[in-house]
Amino acid sequence: MPKEPKEEAQVQPKEGEAKFVAGNTKKKEEDKLEEVVFVVKDGKAETVRVKRGLSDDAYVEVTGEKIEGVEVVSGPFKAINRDLENGSKVKVDNKRAQQTGASVAQNPNS
């Protein structure tokens, strides 16, 4: 049985944008998918709907009403896609932020 192709993309965090991972699935499932990012609110991860903008082979621009000026959670695919849930406690790692120029939130349980 052939596997469905998957698409992965990342964006560099900057104001109003987030690292973003998405996947293509079967058509029926695709209709149900929402594109979201996790943001930090009161020390917890909260999902926020986003829309895709411009993209290339490596980056995807995302926009949304509630992501302007907020800290967006980023990390490895498994941590974001499989382990992180709405309401998970996260910790902002400002040491990483200095290296990348962005705030970095981490799930303290992983």
N, C-alpha and C. Protein backbone atom coordinates (compact mmCIF):
# COMPACT_ATOMS: atom_id res chain seq x y z
N MET A 1 0.84 -1.18 0.00
CA MET A 1 0.00 0.00 0.00
C MET A 1 0.89 1.25 0.00
N PRO A 2 0.78 2.13 -0.97
CA PRO A 2 1.63 3.32 -1.03
C PRO A 2 1.29 4.30 0.09
N LYS A 3 2.30 4.95 0.61
CA LYS A 3 2.09 5.93 1.67
C LYS A 3 1.71 7.27 1.05
N GLU A 4 0.90 8.02 1.78
CA GLU A 4 0.51 9.35 1.33
C GLU A 4 1.71 10.29 1.46
N PRO A 5 1.90 11.20 0.53
CA PRO A 5 3.01 12.15 0.65
C PRO A 5 2.76 13.11 1.81
N LYS A 6 3.81 13.50 2.47
CA LYS A 6 3.69 14.47 3.56
C LYS A 6 4.47 15.72 3.20
N GLU A 7 4.00 16.81 3.69
CA GLU A 7 4.65 18.09 3.44
C GLU A 7 5.03 18.67 4.78
N GLU A 8 6.27 19.12 4.92
CA GLU A 8 6.70 19.76 6.15
C GLU A 8 7.30 21.11 5.80
N ALA A 9 7.05 22.09 6.65
CA ALA A 9 7.60 23.42 6.40
C ALA A 9 7.88 24.09 7.72
N GLN A 10 8.85 24.98 7.73
CA GLN A 10 9.16 25.76 8.91
C GLN A 10 9.27 27.22 8.51
N VAL A 11 8.90 28.10 9.44
CA VAL A 11 9.12 29.52 9.21
C VAL A 11 9.98 30.02 10.35
N GLN A 12 10.75 31.06 10.09
CA GLN A 12 11.52 31.68 11.14
C GLN A 12 10.59 32.53 11.97
N PRO A 13 10.58 32.37 13.30
CA PRO A 13 9.70 33.18 14.12
C PRO A 13 10.05 34.66 14.01
N LYS A 14 9.07 35.47 13.77
CA LYS A 14 9.19 36.91 13.86
C LYS A 14 7.81 37.41 14.21
N GLU A 15 7.67 38.65 14.48
CA GLU A 15 6.39 39.16 14.98
C GLU A 15 5.25 38.72 14.08
N GLY A 16 4.29 38.02 14.68
CA GLY A 16 3.11 37.58 13.94
C GLY A 16 3.30 36.31 13.14
N GLU A 17 4.47 35.67 13.23
CA GLU A 17 4.71 34.44 12.49
C GLU A 17 5.19 33.35 13.43
N ALA A 18 5.13 32.10 12.99
CA ALA A 18 5.48 30.99 13.86
C ALA A 18 6.11 29.86 13.09
N LYS A 19 6.91 29.06 13.79
CA LYS A 19 7.37 27.82 13.19
C LYS A 19 6.14 26.96 13.00
N PHE A 20 6.02 26.31 11.87
CA PHE A 20 4.75 25.70 11.49
C PHE A 20 5.02 24.36 10.86
N VAL A 21 4.31 23.35 11.28
CA VAL A 21 4.44 22.02 10.70
C VAL A 21 3.06 21.58 10.26
N ALA A 22 2.96 21.11 9.02
CA ALA A 22 1.67 20.65 8.51
C ALA A 22 1.88 19.36 7.76
N GLY A 23 0.83 18.59 7.60
CA GLY A 23 0.92 17.34 6.86
C GLY A 23 -0.27 17.16 5.95
N ASN A 24 -0.04 16.58 4.80
CA ASN A 24 -1.13 16.24 3.89
C ASN A 24 -1.60 14.84 4.22
N THR A 25 -2.90 14.65 4.31
CA THR A 25 -3.47 13.34 4.58
C THR A 25 -4.52 13.04 3.52
N LYS A 26 -5.23 11.95 3.69
CA LYS A 26 -6.27 11.61 2.72
C LYS A 26 -7.30 12.73 2.64
N LYS A 27 -7.94 12.86 1.50
CA LYS A 27 -8.86 13.96 1.24
C LYS A 27 -9.93 14.10 2.32
N LYS A 28 -10.54 13.01 2.75
CA LYS A 28 -11.60 13.09 3.76
C LYS A 28 -11.08 13.69 5.06
N GLU A 29 -9.88 13.27 5.47
CA GLU A 29 -9.29 13.81 6.69
C GLU A 29 -8.86 15.25 6.50
N GLU A 30 -8.40 15.61 5.31
CA GLU A 30 -7.92 16.95 5.04
C GLU A 30 -9.02 17.98 5.25
N ASP A 31 -10.26 17.63 4.91
CA ASP A 31 -11.37 18.55 5.09
C ASP A 31 -11.60 18.89 6.56
N LYS A 32 -11.21 17.99 7.46
CA LYS A 32 -11.44 18.19 8.89
C LYS A 32 -10.28 18.92 9.57
N LEU A 33 -9.12 19.00 8.93
CA LEU A 33 -7.95 19.58 9.55
C LEU A 33 -8.06 21.10 9.64
N GLU A 34 -7.59 21.63 10.77
CA GLU A 34 -7.47 23.07 10.94
C GLU A 34 -5.99 23.38 11.06
N GLU A 35 -5.57 24.49 10.51
CA GLU A 35 -4.18 24.90 10.64
C GLU A 35 -4.07 25.78 11.86
N VAL A 36 -3.22 25.36 12.80
CA VAL A 36 -3.07 26.06 14.07
C VAL A 36 -1.60 26.15 14.45
N VAL A 37 -1.30 27.06 15.36
CA VAL A 37 -0.02 27.10 16.05
C VAL A 37 -0.33 27.13 17.54
N PHE A 38 0.64 26.76 18.34
CA PHE A 38 0.50 26.89 19.79
C PHE A 38 1.15 28.20 20.21
N VAL A 39 0.45 28.97 21.05
CA VAL A 39 1.00 30.18 21.63
C VAL A 39 1.04 30.00 23.14
N VAL A 40 1.84 30.82 23.81
CA VAL A 40 1.95 30.75 25.27
C VAL A 40 0.98 31.75 25.88
N LYS A 41 0.11 31.25 26.74
CA LYS A 41 -0.83 32.12 27.45
C LYS A 41 -0.89 31.65 28.90
N ASP A 42 -0.48 32.51 29.82
CA ASP A 42 -0.47 32.18 31.25
C ASP A 42 0.30 30.90 31.54
N GLY A 43 1.44 30.71 30.86
CA GLY A 43 2.30 29.56 31.11
C GLY A 43 1.80 28.25 30.52
N LYS A 44 0.77 28.33 29.68
CA LYS A 44 0.23 27.12 29.06
C LYS A 44 0.13 27.30 27.55
N ALA A 45 0.19 26.17 26.84
CA ALA A 45 0.05 26.18 25.38
C ALA A 45 -1.43 26.32 25.02
N GLU A 46 -1.70 27.19 24.08
CA GLU A 46 -3.07 27.39 23.60
C GLU A 46 -3.05 27.40 22.08
N THR A 47 -3.97 26.66 21.46
CA THR A 47 -4.01 26.63 20.00
C THR A 47 -4.69 27.88 19.47
N VAL A 48 -4.14 28.39 18.37
CA VAL A 48 -4.69 29.54 17.69
C VAL A 48 -4.76 29.21 16.20
N ARG A 49 -5.90 29.42 15.58
CA ARG A 49 -6.04 29.17 14.15
C ARG A 49 -5.21 30.17 13.35
N VAL A 50 -4.61 29.67 12.28
CA VAL A 50 -3.81 30.51 11.40
C VAL A 50 -4.18 30.22 9.96
N LYS A 51 -3.76 31.13 9.09
CA LYS A 51 -3.92 30.93 7.65
C LYS A 51 -2.54 30.93 7.02
N ARG A 52 -2.37 30.09 6.01
CA ARG A 52 -1.10 30.06 5.28
C ARG A 52 -1.01 31.26 4.36
N GLY A 53 0.20 31.80 4.28
CA GLY A 53 0.47 32.89 3.36
C GLY A 53 1.47 32.41 2.32
N LEU A 54 2.44 33.25 2.04
CA LEU A 54 3.49 32.91 1.07
C LEU A 54 4.32 31.75 1.58
N SER A 55 4.85 30.94 0.66
CA SER A 55 5.71 29.84 1.07
C SER A 55 6.72 29.52 -0.02
N ASP A 56 7.78 28.83 0.38
CA ASP A 56 8.75 28.30 -0.57
C ASP A 56 9.12 26.90 -0.09
N ASP A 57 10.25 26.38 -0.52
CA ASP A 57 10.64 25.02 -0.15
C ASP A 57 10.92 24.86 1.34
N ALA A 58 11.29 25.93 2.01
CA ALA A 58 11.69 25.82 3.41
C ALA A 58 10.80 26.56 4.40
N TYR A 59 10.06 27.55 3.95
CA TYR A 59 9.32 28.41 4.88
C TYR A 59 7.87 28.59 4.46
N VAL A 60 7.01 28.81 5.47
CA VAL A 60 5.61 29.13 5.24
C VAL A 60 5.27 30.32 6.12
N GLU A 61 4.70 31.35 5.52
CA GLU A 61 4.21 32.49 6.29
C GLU A 61 2.84 32.12 6.85
N VAL A 62 2.63 32.41 8.13
CA VAL A 62 1.31 32.19 8.71
C VAL A 62 0.81 33.49 9.31
N THR A 63 -0.50 33.71 9.19
CA THR A 63 -1.11 34.91 9.74
C THR A 63 -2.33 34.52 10.55
N GLY A 64 -2.68 35.33 11.49
CA GLY A 64 -3.87 35.10 12.30
C GLY A 64 -4.09 36.26 13.25
N GLU A 65 -5.33 36.46 13.62
CA GLU A 65 -5.67 37.59 14.47
C GLU A 65 -4.98 37.55 15.83
N LYS A 66 -4.85 36.38 16.40
CA LYS A 66 -4.37 36.27 17.78
C LYS A 66 -2.89 35.94 17.91
N ILE A 67 -2.09 36.08 16.84
CA ILE A 67 -0.67 35.76 16.98
C ILE A 67 0.23 36.98 16.92
N GLU A 68 -0.32 38.15 16.73
CA GLU A 68 0.49 39.37 16.73
C GLU A 68 1.07 39.61 18.11
N GLY A 69 2.39 39.65 18.21
CA GLY A 69 3.06 40.00 19.45
C GLY A 69 3.01 38.96 20.56
N VAL A 70 2.58 37.74 20.28
CA VAL A 70 2.55 36.70 21.31
C VAL A 70 3.73 35.75 21.12
N GLU A 71 4.04 34.99 22.15
CA GLU A 71 5.10 34.00 22.07
C GLU A 71 4.53 32.72 21.47
N VAL A 72 5.18 32.26 20.41
CA VAL A 72 4.72 31.06 19.71
C VAL A 72 5.62 29.90 20.08
N VAL A 73 5.01 28.76 20.38
CA VAL A 73 5.76 27.56 20.75
C VAL A 73 6.38 26.96 19.50
N SER A 74 7.65 26.61 19.57
CA SER A 74 8.30 25.93 18.45
C SER A 74 9.15 24.80 19.01
N GLY A 75 9.42 23.83 18.17
CA GLY A 75 10.22 22.71 18.61
C GLY A 75 10.22 21.61 17.58
N PRO A 76 10.80 20.46 17.93
CA PRO A 76 10.82 19.32 17.01
C PRO A 76 9.41 18.86 16.65
N PHE A 77 9.26 18.28 15.47
CA PHE A 77 7.96 17.84 14.98
C PHE A 77 7.23 16.99 16.01
N LYS A 78 7.91 15.98 16.56
CA LYS A 78 7.26 15.07 17.51
C LYS A 78 6.75 15.82 18.73
N ALA A 79 7.54 16.74 19.25
CA ALA A 79 7.13 17.48 20.45
C ALA A 79 5.89 18.32 20.19
N ILE A 80 5.82 18.96 19.04
CA ILE A 80 4.69 19.83 18.73
C ILE A 80 3.48 19.02 18.27
N ASN A 81 3.69 18.10 17.36
CA ASN A 81 2.58 17.39 16.73
C ASN A 81 2.00 16.27 17.59
N ARG A 82 2.83 15.62 18.38
CA ARG A 82 2.37 14.43 19.10
C ARG A 82 2.25 14.64 20.61
N ASP A 83 3.20 15.35 21.22
CA ASP A 83 3.25 15.44 22.67
C ASP A 83 2.51 16.64 23.25
N LEU A 84 2.54 17.77 22.56
CA LEU A 84 1.96 19.00 23.09
C LEU A 84 0.45 19.02 22.87
N GLU A 85 -0.28 19.41 23.89
CA GLU A 85 -1.73 19.50 23.81
C GLU A 85 -2.18 20.87 24.29
N ASN A 86 -3.38 21.25 23.90
CA ASN A 86 -3.96 22.49 24.37
C ASN A 86 -4.03 22.44 25.90
N GLY A 87 -3.46 23.43 26.57
CA GLY A 87 -3.46 23.47 28.03
C GLY A 87 -2.22 22.89 28.68
N SER A 88 -1.29 22.32 27.87
CA SER A 88 -0.04 21.80 28.43
C SER A 88 0.77 22.95 29.02
N LYS A 89 1.41 22.70 30.16
CA LYS A 89 2.28 23.72 30.75
C LYS A 89 3.53 23.84 29.89
N VAL A 90 3.97 25.07 29.66
CA VAL A 90 5.19 25.32 28.90
C VAL A 90 6.05 26.32 29.66
N LYS A 91 7.33 26.29 29.37
CA LYS A 91 8.28 27.20 30.01
C LYS A 91 9.04 27.91 28.90
N VAL A 92 9.13 29.24 28.98
CA VAL A 92 9.87 30.01 27.98
C VAL A 92 11.35 29.92 28.30
N ASP A 93 12.15 29.56 27.29
CA ASP A 93 13.59 29.41 27.42
C ASP A 93 14.25 30.63 26.80
N ASN A 94 14.57 31.63 27.62
CA ASN A 94 15.14 32.87 27.09
C ASN A 94 16.58 32.72 26.62
N LYS A 95 17.30 31.68 27.07
CA LYS A 95 18.65 31.44 26.57
C LYS A 95 18.60 31.10 25.09
N ARG A 96 17.65 30.26 24.69
CA ARG A 96 17.48 29.93 23.27
C ARG A 96 17.04 31.15 22.50
N ALA A 97 16.23 31.99 23.13
CA ALA A 97 15.72 33.18 22.46
C ALA A 97 16.87 34.09 22.06
N GLN A 98 17.88 34.21 22.91
CA GLN A 98 19.03 35.06 22.59
C GLN A 98 19.80 34.52 21.40
N GLN A 99 19.86 33.20 21.25
CA GLN A 99 20.58 32.59 20.13
C GLN A 99 19.83 32.77 18.82
N THR A 100 18.51 32.69 18.87
CA THR A 100 17.72 32.71 17.64
C THR A 100 17.05 34.04 17.37
N GLY A 101 16.98 34.91 18.39
CA GLY A 101 16.27 36.18 18.22
C GLY A 101 14.78 36.04 18.42
N ALA A 102 14.33 34.90 18.93
CA ALA A 102 12.90 34.66 19.14
C ALA A 102 12.70 34.07 20.52
N SER A 103 11.53 34.23 21.07
CA SER A 103 11.20 33.58 22.34
C SER A 103 10.93 32.11 22.06
N VAL A 104 11.39 31.25 22.94
CA VAL A 104 11.23 29.82 22.75
C VAL A 104 10.51 29.25 23.96
N ALA A 105 9.38 28.59 23.74
CA ALA A 105 8.65 27.95 24.82
C ALA A 105 8.87 26.45 24.74
N GLN A 106 9.04 25.83 25.89
CA GLN A 106 9.28 24.39 25.93
C GLN A 106 8.28 23.73 26.85
N ASN A 107 7.94 22.49 26.54
CA ASN A 107 7.10 21.68 27.42
C ASN A 107 8.02 21.14 28.50
N PRO A 108 7.85 21.54 29.77
CA PRO A 108 8.77 21.11 30.81
C PRO A 108 8.70 19.61 31.09
N ASN A 109 7.67 18.94 30.59
CA ASN A 109 7.52 17.51 30.81
C ASN A 109 8.24 16.67 29.77
N SER A 110 8.84 17.30 28.74
CA SER A 110 9.53 16.49 27.71
C SER A 110 11.01 16.71 27.73
